[in-house]
Amino acid sequence: MGAIGGHAAPILLGAIGGHAAPILDTQPGPRVGLFVTCLVDLFRPSVGFAAVTLLERAGCAVAVPKGQTCCGQPAYNSGDRKSAVAVARGVLSAFRDFDYVVAPSGSCAGMIKLHYPALFAGDPERRAAAEDLSRRTYELVSFLTDVRGVTSVDASFEGEVTYHDSCSALRELDVMEQPRRLLDSVAGLRRTELPNADVCCGFGGTFCVKYPEISTDMVRKKARAVASTGAGTLLSGDLGCLLNIAGRLEREGLSVSVRHVAEVLAGTCGNPAIGETKPSGSA
């Protein structure tokens, strides 16, 4: 597909829990169901809107099923298999009619893609449905580059950024070069590599609750590594990591804006960065 640009079709998402207006085209693209994720829905809806913008610019007809809930990862990671299975059943039902399922999160995409089939090992019918959903599920930037062939975006961002690799996106889904490639096409953006970008930030979902001292030490080191780059903005593809790092940056008194990579790629950075009350650079 190459470069994508122009303006996205009007989006009718409500508070992200409704439906997005599909592209009105004589030859509509693939039907994509956006898995919004709990953190995006509750803390950063602008990431969901940015994801829809990017997907529509890439020629997809996008919808956000009202029936979606959590991916089930918190229960799964806590050993509550029964609850994880119950949640996964709802996801199977909500996303059964789409060509692809895309999440602006390597963590949630990895849960659906890699762990759902095993949840239904004793249920042949649902296991087959889970395997089918697994084949159709992608992390957002990976989908844009690896499936839709996007090589550049029509967006601008003035300033220096650095990028943190989330554990799930990197280790489970092999997402590493894809976001960097698209970021390097953003006009005005200067990217500096983050030291130890592939090292965990310490969030790890329930890990930060079970092992708070270890988690705090990890995110403190991550925050200082971010500051050492001199970049004014930190980007990543997982909101859990971003919320964790943004909180530590503020506690350490380090002035670095934090955003989801989708917001920069879509050119929708008019809103305040994570943890800020006004847009970066405003008076």
C-alpha atoms as a PDB file:
ATOM      1  CA  MET A   1       0.000   0.000   0.000  1.00  0.00           C
ATOM      2  CA  GLY A   2       2.900   2.359   0.721  1.00  0.00           C
ATOM      3  CA  ALA A   3       2.146   5.758   2.206  1.00  0.00           C
ATOM      4  CA  ILE A   4      -1.194   6.621   3.758  1.00  0.00           C
ATOM      5  CA  GLY A   5      -2.567  10.094   4.212  1.00  0.00           C
ATOM      6  CA  GLY A   6      -5.491  12.401   3.790  1.00  0.00           C
ATOM      7  CA  HIS A   7      -8.401  12.652   6.188  1.00  0.00           C
ATOM      8  CA  ALA A   8     -10.157   9.791   7.892  1.00  0.00           C
ATOM      9  CA  ALA A   9     -13.871   9.277   7.389  1.00  0.00           C
ATOM     10  CA  PRO A  10     -16.127  10.593  10.179  1.00  0.00           C
ATOM     11  CA  ILE A  11     -15.854   8.421  13.270  1.00  0.00           C
ATOM     12  CA  LEU A  12     -18.981   7.548  15.247  1.00  0.00           C
ATOM     13  CA  LEU A  13     -17.556   5.855  18.291  1.00  0.00           C
ATOM     14  CA  GLY A  14     -19.432   7.555  21.089  1.00  0.00           C
ATOM     15  CA  ALA A  15     -17.200   6.998  24.106  1.00  0.00           C
ATOM     16  CA  ILE A  16     -15.265   4.325  22.174  1.00  0.00           C
ATOM     17  CA  GLY A  17     -17.881   1.760  23.130  1.00  0.00           C
ATOM     18  CA  GLY A  18     -20.108   2.327  20.086  1.00  0.00           C
ATOM     19  CA  HIS A  19     -19.515   1.665  16.415  1.00  0.00           C
ATOM     20  CA  ALA A  20     -17.137   3.359  14.005  1.00  0.00           C
ATOM     21  CA  ALA A  21     -18.544   4.440  10.675  1.00  0.00           C
ATOM     22  CA  PRO A  22     -17.182   2.144   7.956  1.00  0.00           C
ATOM     23  CA  ILE A  23     -15.481   3.579   4.905  1.00  0.00           C
ATOM     24  CA  LEU A  24     -18.000   4.298   2.191  1.00  0.00           C
ATOM     25  CA  ASP A  25     -16.224   2.949  -0.851  1.00  0.00           C
ATOM     26  CA  THR A  26     -17.330   1.051  -3.917  1.00  0.00           C
ATOM     27  CA  GLN A  27     -14.651  -1.492  -3.031  1.00  0.00           C
ATOM     28  CA  PRO A  28     -14.498  -1.484   0.773  1.00  0.00           C
ATOM     29  CA  GLY A  29     -11.386  -2.823   2.401  1.00  0.00           C
ATOM     30  CA  PRO A  30     -11.163  -5.546   5.006  1.00  0.00           C
ATOM     31  CA  ARG A  31     -13.577  -5.417   7.920  1.00  0.00           C
ATOM     32  CA  VAL A  32     -11.567  -4.679  11.054  1.00  0.00           C
ATOM     33  CA  GLY A  33     -12.905  -5.002  14.582  1.00  0.00           C
ATOM     34  CA  LEU A  34     -11.031  -2.689  16.929  1.00  0.00           C
ATOM     35  CA  PHE A  35     -10.292  -4.252  20.304  1.00  0.00           C
ATOM     36  CA  VAL A  36     -10.120  -1.055  22.314  1.00  0.00           C
ATOM     37  CA  THR A  37      -8.564  -2.490  25.540  1.00  0.00           C
ATOM     38  CA  CYS A  38      -9.615  -1.622  29.090  1.00  0.00           C
ATOM     39  CA  LEU A  39      -6.862   0.924  29.691  1.00  0.00           C
ATOM     40  CA  VAL A  40      -7.574   2.823  26.481  1.00  0.00           C
ATOM     41  CA  ASP A  41     -11.297   2.870  27.200  1.00  0.00           C
ATOM     42  CA  LEU A  42     -10.873   4.030  30.801  1.00  0.00           C
ATOM     43  CA  PHE A  43      -7.784   6.249  30.681  1.00  0.00           C
ATOM     44  CA  ARG A  44      -6.912   7.270  27.114  1.00  0.00           C
ATOM     45  CA  PRO A  45      -9.815   7.110  24.598  1.00  0.00           C
ATOM     46  CA  SER A  46      -7.800   9.315  22.227  1.00  0.00           C
ATOM     47  CA  VAL A  47      -5.671   6.238  21.456  1.00  0.00           C
ATOM     48  CA  GLY A  48      -8.769   4.426  20.240  1.00  0.00           C
ATOM     49  CA  PHE A  49      -9.711   7.311  17.974  1.00  0.00           C
ATOM     50  CA  ALA A  50      -6.140   7.492  16.647  1.00  0.00           C
ATOM     51  CA  ALA A  51      -6.233   3.752  15.910  1.00  0.00           C
ATOM     52  CA  VAL A  52      -9.460   4.123  13.957  1.00  0.00           C
ATOM     53  CA  THR A  53      -7.968   7.021  11.996  1.00  0.00           C
ATOM     54  CA  LEU A  54      -4.894   4.988  11.054  1.00  0.00           C
ATOM     55  CA  LEU A  55      -6.916   1.916  10.091  1.00  0.00           C
ATOM     56  CA  GLU A  56      -9.335   3.897   7.952  1.00  0.00           C
ATOM     57  CA  ARG A  57      -6.489   5.707   6.211  1.00  0.00           C
ATOM     58  CA  ALA A  58      -5.067   2.262   5.468  1.00  0.00           C
ATOM     59  CA  GLY A  59      -8.275   1.383   3.637  1.00  0.00           C
ATOM     60  CA  CYS A  60     -10.085  -0.629   6.311  1.00  0.00           C
ATOM     61  CA  ALA A  61     -13.745  -0.561   7.300  1.00  0.00           C
ATOM     62  CA  VAL A  62     -13.590  -0.259  11.077  1.00  0.00           C
ATOM     63  CA  ALA A  63     -16.126  -1.053  13.792  1.00  0.00           C
ATOM     64  CA  VAL A  64     -15.951  -1.241  17.564  1.00  0.00           C
ATOM     65  CA  PRO A  65     -18.252  -4.017  18.836  1.00  0.00           C
ATOM     66  CA  LYS A  66     -20.284  -2.981  21.858  1.00  0.00           C
ATOM     67  CA  GLY A  67     -20.064  -6.489  23.266  1.00  0.00           C
ATOM     68  CA  GLN A  68     -16.321  -6.412  23.846  1.00  0.00           C
ATOM     69  CA  THR A  69     -14.872  -6.404  27.340  1.00  0.00           C
ATOM     70  CA  CYS A  70     -11.445  -7.155  28.820  1.00  0.00           C
ATOM     71  CA  CYS A  71      -9.226  -9.673  27.019  1.00  0.00           C
ATOM     72  CA  GLY A  72      -9.057 -11.682  30.251  1.00  0.00           C
ATOM     73  CA  GLN A  73      -5.339 -11.295  30.815  1.00  0.00           C
ATOM     74  CA  PRO A  74      -5.517 -10.092  34.465  1.00  0.00           C
ATOM     75  CA  ALA A  75      -7.487 -13.209  35.429  1.00  0.00           C
ATOM     76  CA  TYR A  76      -5.261 -15.430  33.299  1.00  0.00           C
ATOM     77  CA  ASN A  77      -2.050 -14.084  34.831  1.00  0.00           C
ATOM     78  CA  SER A  78      -3.505 -14.487  38.312  1.00  0.00           C
ATOM     79  CA  GLY A  79      -4.313 -18.148  37.749  1.00  0.00           C
ATOM     80  CA  ASP A  80      -8.082 -17.605  37.589  1.00  0.00           C
ATOM     81  CA  ARG A  81      -8.613 -19.780  34.533  1.00  0.00           C
ATOM     82  CA  LYS A  82     -12.381 -20.004  34.995  1.00  0.00           C
ATOM     83  CA  SER A  83     -12.826 -16.226  34.783  1.00  0.00           C
ATOM     84  CA  ALA A  84     -10.365 -15.966  31.892  1.00  0.00           C
ATOM     85  CA  VAL A  85     -12.345 -18.550  29.923  1.00  0.00           C
ATOM     86  CA  ALA A  86     -15.611 -16.707  30.601  1.00  0.00           C
ATOM     87  CA  VAL A  87     -14.137 -13.438  29.340  1.00  0.00           C
ATOM     88  CA  ALA A  88     -12.581 -15.112  26.301  1.00  0.00           C
ATOM     89  CA  ARG A  89     -15.945 -16.575  25.299  1.00  0.00           C
ATOM     90  CA  GLY A  90     -17.350 -13.061  25.116  1.00  0.00           C
ATOM     91  CA  VAL A  91     -14.463 -11.898  22.946  1.00  0.00           C
ATOM     92  CA  LEU A  92     -14.919 -14.855  20.588  1.00  0.00           C
ATOM     93  CA  SER A  93     -18.554 -13.890  20.144  1.00  0.00           C
ATOM     94  CA  ALA A  94     -17.987 -10.135  19.754  1.00  0.00           C
ATOM     95  CA  PHE A  95     -15.318 -10.476  17.065  1.00  0.00           C
ATOM     96  CA  ARG A  96     -16.447 -13.522  15.102  1.00  0.00           C
ATOM     97  CA  ASP A  97     -17.647 -11.602  12.022  1.00  0.00           C
ATOM     98  CA  PHE A  98     -14.538  -9.545  11.228  1.00  0.00           C
ATOM     99  CA  ASP A  99     -11.766 -10.192   8.741  1.00  0.00           C
ATOM    100  CA  TYR A 100      -9.240  -8.935  11.287  1.00  0.00           C
ATOM    101  CA  VAL A 101      -9.130  -7.952  14.945  1.00  0.00           C
ATOM    102  CA  VAL A 102      -6.679  -5.175  15.780  1.00  0.00           C
ATOM    103  CA  ALA A 103      -5.632  -3.894  19.210  1.00  0.00           C
ATOM    104  CA  PRO A 104      -3.509  -0.814  20.022  1.00  0.00           C
ATOM    105  CA  SER A 105      -1.709  -3.035  22.531  1.00  0.00           C
ATOM    106  CA  GLY A 106       0.791  -5.838  22.166  1.00  0.00           C
ATOM    107  CA  SER A 107      -0.286  -7.158  25.543  1.00  0.00           C
ATOM    108  CA  CYS A 108      -3.952  -7.668  24.675  1.00  0.00           C
ATOM    109  CA  ALA A 109      -3.201  -8.794  21.122  1.00  0.00           C
ATOM    110  CA  GLY A 110      -0.709 -11.308  22.481  1.00  0.00           C
ATOM    111  CA  MET A 111      -3.244 -12.669  24.959  1.00  0.00           C
ATOM    112  CA  ILE A 112      -5.824 -13.288  22.236  1.00  0.00           C
ATOM    113  CA  LYS A 113      -3.392 -14.495  19.607  1.00  0.00           C
ATOM    114  CA  LEU A 114      -1.197 -16.790  21.699  1.00  0.00           C
ATOM    115  CA  HIS A 115      -3.133 -17.843  24.784  1.00  0.00           C
ATOM    116  CA  TYR A 116      -6.786 -18.165  23.791  1.00  0.00           C
ATOM    117  CA  PRO A 117      -6.429 -21.518  21.974  1.00  0.00           C
ATOM    118  CA  ALA A 118      -4.938 -23.147  25.084  1.00  0.00           C
ATOM    119  CA  LEU A 119      -7.798 -21.849  27.234  1.00  0.00           C
ATOM    120  CA  PHE A 120     -10.200 -24.038  25.286  1.00  0.00           C
ATOM    121  CA  ALA A 121      -8.077 -27.179  25.072  1.00  0.00           C
ATOM    122  CA  GLY A 122     -10.991 -29.282  26.360  1.00  0.00           C
ATOM    123  CA  ASP A 123     -13.634 -27.647  24.161  1.00  0.00           C
ATOM    124  CA  PRO A 124     -12.992 -28.570  20.486  1.00  0.00           C
ATOM    125  CA  GLU A 125     -15.591 -26.203  19.034  1.00  0.00           C
ATOM    126  CA  ARG A 126     -14.435 -23.146  20.952  1.00  0.00           C
ATOM    127  CA  ARG A 127     -10.788 -24.101  20.490  1.00  0.00           C
ATOM    128  CA  ALA A 128     -11.340 -24.013  16.719  1.00  0.00           C
ATOM    129  CA  ALA A 129     -12.983 -20.594  17.086  1.00  0.00           C
ATOM    130  CA  ALA A 130     -10.083 -19.393  19.249  1.00  0.00           C
ATOM    131  CA  GLU A 131      -7.536 -20.605  16.694  1.00  0.00           C
ATOM    132  CA  ASP A 132      -9.448 -18.804  13.966  1.00  0.00           C
ATOM    133  CA  LEU A 133      -9.518 -15.607  16.041  1.00  0.00           C
ATOM    134  CA  SER A 134      -5.808 -16.018  16.732  1.00  0.00           C
ATOM    135  CA  ARG A 135      -5.041 -16.036  13.005  1.00  0.00           C
ATOM    136  CA  ARG A 136      -7.029 -12.825  12.539  1.00  0.00           C
ATOM    137  CA  THR A 137      -5.633 -10.849  15.490  1.00  0.00           C
ATOM    138  CA  TYR A 138      -2.831  -8.272  15.260  1.00  0.00           C
ATOM    139  CA  GLU A 139      -1.205  -5.465  17.188  1.00  0.00           C
ATOM    140  CA  LEU A 140      -2.038  -2.135  15.528  1.00  0.00           C
ATOM    141  CA  VAL A 141       1.309  -1.050  14.056  1.00  0.00           C
ATOM    142  CA  SER A 142       2.188  -4.600  13.039  1.00  0.00           C
ATOM    143  CA  PHE A 143      -1.126  -4.839  11.195  1.00  0.00           C
ATOM    144  CA  LEU A 144      -0.533  -1.558   9.379  1.00  0.00           C
ATOM    145  CA  THR A 145       2.947  -2.515   8.199  1.00  0.00           C
ATOM    146  CA  ASP A 146       2.879  -6.312   7.906  1.00  0.00           C
ATOM    147  CA  VAL A 147      -0.675  -6.802   6.629  1.00  0.00           C
ATOM    148  CA  ARG A 148      -1.669  -3.543   4.949  1.00  0.00           C
ATOM    149  CA  GLY A 149       1.807  -2.741   3.630  1.00  0.00           C
ATOM    150  CA  VAL A 150       1.984   0.769   5.082  1.00  0.00           C
ATOM    151  CA  THR A 151       5.494   2.198   4.753  1.00  0.00           C
ATOM    152  CA  SER A 152       4.924   5.818   5.788  1.00  0.00           C
ATOM    153  CA  VAL A 153       2.298   8.090   7.298  1.00  0.00           C
ATOM    154  CA  ASP A 154       1.073  11.594   6.518  1.00  0.00           C
ATOM    155  CA  ALA A 155       1.681  13.187   9.903  1.00  0.00           C
ATOM    156  CA  SER A 156       3.947  15.747  11.521  1.00  0.00           C
ATOM    157  CA  PHE A 157       5.411  16.069  14.998  1.00  0.00           C
ATOM    158  CA  GLU A 158       7.990  18.657  15.921  1.00  0.00           C
ATOM    159  CA  GLY A 159      10.461  17.349  18.449  1.00  0.00           C
ATOM    160  CA  GLU A 160      12.713  14.542  19.587  1.00  0.00           C
ATOM    161  CA  VAL A 161      11.176  11.251  20.707  1.00  0.00           C
ATOM    162  CA  THR A 162      12.366   7.943  22.074  1.00  0.00           C
ATOM    163  CA  TYR A 163      10.565   4.586  21.961  1.00  0.00           C
ATOM    164  CA  HIS A 164      10.065   1.897  24.620  1.00  0.00           C
ATOM    165  CA  ASP A 165       9.409  -1.691  23.495  1.00  0.00           C
ATOM    166  CA  SER A 166       6.707  -3.372  25.555  1.00  0.00           C
ATOM    167  CA  CYS A 167       7.531  -6.933  26.576  1.00  0.00           C
ATOM    168  CA  SER A 168       4.447  -8.511  25.004  1.00  0.00           C
ATOM    169  CA  ALA A 169       4.729  -6.715  21.674  1.00  0.00           C
ATOM    170  CA  LEU A 170       8.437  -7.426  21.375  1.00  0.00           C
ATOM    171  CA  ARG A 171       8.714 -10.951  22.748  1.00  0.00           C
ATOM    172  CA  GLU A 172       5.346 -12.429  21.829  1.00  0.00           C
ATOM    173  CA  LEU A 173       4.572 -10.642  18.555  1.00  0.00           C
ATOM    174  CA  ASP A 174       7.988  -9.602  17.169  1.00  0.00           C
ATOM    175  CA  VAL A 175       7.013  -5.935  17.031  1.00  0.00           C
ATOM    176  CA  MET A 176      10.191  -3.884  17.025  1.00  0.00           C
ATOM    177  CA  GLU A 177      11.174  -2.353  13.699  1.00  0.00           C
ATOM    178  CA  GLN A 178       7.590  -1.623  12.574  1.00  0.00           C
ATOM    179  CA  PRO A 179       6.876   1.376  14.849  1.00  0.00           C
ATOM    180  CA  ARG A 180      10.352   2.800  14.340  1.00  0.00           C
ATOM    181  CA  ARG A 181       9.953   2.576  10.569  1.00  0.00           C
ATOM    182  CA  LEU A 182       6.687   4.508  10.597  1.00  0.00           C
ATOM    183  CA  LEU A 183       7.938   7.040  13.147  1.00  0.00           C
ATOM    184  CA  ASP A 184      10.888   7.828  10.905  1.00  0.00           C
ATOM    185  CA  SER A 185       8.406   8.890   8.200  1.00  0.00           C
ATOM    186  CA  VAL A 186       6.729  11.510  10.432  1.00  0.00           C
ATOM    187  CA  ALA A 187       7.651  15.018   9.304  1.00  0.00           C
ATOM    188  CA  GLY A 188       9.663  16.980  11.871  1.00  0.00           C
ATOM    189  CA  LEU A 189      10.137  14.032  14.195  1.00  0.00           C
ATOM    190  CA  ARG A 190      13.624  13.169  15.383  1.00  0.00           C
ATOM    191  CA  ARG A 191      14.042   9.759  16.989  1.00  0.00           C
ATOM    192  CA  THR A 192      16.728   8.801  19.518  1.00  0.00           C
ATOM    193  CA  GLU A 193      17.111   5.173  20.502  1.00  0.00           C
ATOM    194  CA  LEU A 194      16.367   4.447  24.152  1.00  0.00           C
ATOM    195  CA  PRO A 195      19.119   2.645  26.100  1.00  0.00           C
ATOM    196  CA  ASN A 196      17.888  -0.844  26.977  1.00  0.00           C
ATOM    197  CA  ALA A 197      14.643  -0.168  25.142  1.00  0.00           C
ATOM    198  CA  ASP A 198      13.784  -3.862  25.331  1.00  0.00           C
ATOM    199  CA  VAL A 199      14.034  -4.053  29.139  1.00  0.00           C
ATOM    200  CA  CYS A 200      10.728  -4.295  31.033  1.00  0.00           C
ATOM    201  CA  CYS A 201       9.414  -1.110  32.631  1.00  0.00           C
ATOM    202  CA  GLY A 202       8.242  -3.053  35.690  1.00  0.00           C
ATOM    203  CA  PHE A 203       4.505  -2.803  35.087  1.00  0.00           C
ATOM    204  CA  GLY A 204       3.738  -6.354  33.972  1.00  0.00           C
ATOM    205  CA  GLY A 205       0.037  -6.086  34.820  1.00  0.00           C
ATOM    206  CA  THR A 206      -0.374  -7.848  38.167  1.00  0.00           C
ATOM    207  CA  PHE A 207       3.430  -8.036  38.608  1.00  0.00           C
ATOM    208  CA  CYS A 208       3.578  -4.464  39.894  1.00  0.00           C
ATOM    209  CA  VAL A 209       1.000  -5.356  42.554  1.00  0.00           C
ATOM    210  CA  LYS A 210       2.644  -8.635  43.599  1.00  0.00           C
ATOM    211  CA  TYR A 211       6.196  -7.263  43.656  1.00  0.00           C
ATOM    212  CA  PRO A 212       5.963  -3.485  44.170  1.00  0.00           C
ATOM    213  CA  GLU A 213       9.559  -2.971  45.331  1.00  0.00           C
ATOM    214  CA  ILE A 214      11.020  -4.764  42.313  1.00  0.00           C
ATOM    215  CA  SER A 215       8.573  -3.031  39.987  1.00  0.00           C
ATOM    216  CA  THR A 216       9.451   0.394  41.377  1.00  0.00           C
ATOM    217  CA  ASP A 217      13.165  -0.209  40.955  1.00  0.00           C
ATOM    218  CA  MET A 218      12.635  -1.303  37.344  1.00  0.00           C
ATOM    219  CA  VAL A 219      10.511   1.693  36.373  1.00  0.00           C
ATOM    220  CA  ARG A 220      12.899   4.082  38.142  1.00  0.00           C
ATOM    221  CA  LYS A 221      15.746   2.794  35.961  1.00  0.00           C
ATOM    222  CA  LYS A 222      13.513   3.040  32.888  1.00  0.00           C
ATOM    223  CA  ALA A 223      12.534   6.640  33.662  1.00  0.00           C
ATOM    224  CA  ARG A 224      16.159   7.653  34.091  1.00  0.00           C
ATOM    225  CA  ALA A 225      17.092   5.943  30.830  1.00  0.00           C
ATOM    226  CA  VAL A 226      14.334   7.913  29.097  1.00  0.00           C
ATOM    227  CA  ALA A 227      15.617  11.175  30.554  1.00  0.00           C
ATOM    228  CA  SER A 228      19.187  10.340  29.504  1.00  0.00           C
ATOM    229  CA  THR A 229      18.208  10.476  25.829  1.00  0.00           C
ATOM    230  CA  GLY A 230      17.282  14.157  26.027  1.00  0.00           C
ATOM    231  CA  ALA A 231      14.087  13.407  24.140  1.00  0.00           C
ATOM    232  CA  GLY A 232      11.072  15.503  24.996  1.00  0.00           C
ATOM    233  CA  THR A 233       8.590  12.708  24.352  1.00  0.00           C
ATOM    234  CA  LEU A 234       8.441   9.004  25.164  1.00  0.00           C
ATOM    235  CA  LEU A 235       6.356   6.742  22.929  1.00  0.00           C
ATOM    236  CA  SER A 236       5.283   3.114  23.143  1.00  0.00           C
ATOM    237  CA  GLY A 237       2.536   0.848  21.876  1.00  0.00           C
ATOM    238  CA  ASP A 238       1.159  -0.333  25.230  1.00  0.00           C
ATOM    239  CA  LEU A 239      -0.746   1.995  27.519  1.00  0.00           C
ATOM    240  CA  GLY A 240       0.111  -0.021  30.637  1.00  0.00           C
ATOM    241  CA  CYS A 241       3.805   0.683  30.133  1.00  0.00           C
ATOM    242  CA  LEU A 242       3.118   4.320  29.339  1.00  0.00           C
ATOM    243  CA  LEU A 243       0.988   4.941  32.430  1.00  0.00           C
ATOM    244  CA  ASN A 244       3.623   3.284  34.600  1.00  0.00           C
ATOM    245  CA  ILE A 245       6.545   5.211  33.154  1.00  0.00           C
ATOM    246  CA  ALA A 246       4.643   8.516  33.076  1.00  0.00           C
ATOM    247  CA  GLY A 247       3.894   8.198  36.772  1.00  0.00           C
ATOM    248  CA  ARG A 248       7.532   7.518  37.637  1.00  0.00           C
ATOM    249  CA  LEU A 249       8.810  10.356  35.426  1.00  0.00           C
ATOM    250  CA  GLU A 250       6.570  12.758  37.329  1.00  0.00           C
ATOM    251  CA  ARG A 251       7.669  11.384  40.712  1.00  0.00           C
ATOM    252  CA  GLU A 252      11.316  11.732  39.689  1.00  0.00           C
ATOM    253  CA  GLY A 253      10.720  15.322  38.571  1.00  0.00           C
ATOM    254  CA  LEU A 254      11.699  14.494  34.987  1.00  0.00           C
ATOM    255  CA  SER A 255       9.991  16.616  32.338  1.00  0.00           C
ATOM    256  CA  VAL A 256       9.184  14.194  29.514  1.00  0.00           C
ATOM    257  CA  SER A 257       5.837  13.982  27.732  1.00  0.00           C
ATOM    258  CA  VAL A 258       4.387  10.495  27.281  1.00  0.00           C
ATOM    259  CA  ARG A 259       2.143   9.378  24.413  1.00  0.00           C
ATOM    260  CA  HIS A 260       0.924   6.264  22.660  1.00  0.00           C
ATOM    261  CA  VAL A 261       2.641   5.827  19.308  1.00  0.00           C
ATOM    262  CA  ALA A 262      -0.722   5.760  17.498  1.00  0.00           C
ATOM    263  CA  GLU A 263      -1.398   9.379  18.453  1.00  0.00           C
ATOM    264  CA  VAL A 264       1.808  10.545  16.781  1.00  0.00           C
ATOM    265  CA  LEU A 265       1.373   8.356  13.691  1.00  0.00           C
ATOM    266  CA  ALA A 266      -2.196   9.606  13.239  1.00  0.00           C
ATOM    267  CA  GLY A 267      -1.200  13.227  13.795  1.00  0.00           C
ATOM    268  CA  THR A 268      -3.682  13.609  16.659  1.00  0.00           C
ATOM    269  CA  CYS A 269      -1.548  15.143  19.392  1.00  0.00           C
ATOM    270  CA  GLY A 270      -3.639  18.222  20.105  1.00  0.00           C
ATOM    271  CA  ASN A 271      -4.735  16.747  23.426  1.00  0.00           C
ATOM    272  CA  PRO A 272      -2.612  16.757  26.592  1.00  0.00           C
ATOM    273  CA  ALA A 273      -0.007  14.020  26.949  1.00  0.00           C
ATOM    274  CA  ILE A 274      -0.520  11.280  29.546  1.00  0.00           C
ATOM    275  CA  GLY A 275      -0.664  12.800  33.026  1.00  0.00           C
ATOM    276  CA  GLU A 276      -0.802  16.386  31.716  1.00  0.00           C
ATOM    277  CA  THR A 277      -3.701  18.814  32.005  1.00  0.00           C
ATOM    278  CA  LYS A 278      -2.893  20.860  28.926  1.00  0.00           C
ATOM    279  CA  PRO A 279      -1.209  20.102  25.582  1.00  0.00           C
ATOM    280  CA  SER A 280       2.589  19.911  25.633  1.00  0.00           C
ATOM    281  CA  GLY A 281       4.152  23.257  24.917  1.00  0.00           C
ATOM    282  CA  SER A 282       1.035  25.287  25.783  1.00  0.00           C
ATOM    283  CA  ALA A 283       1.286  28.251  28.104  1.00  0.00           C
END
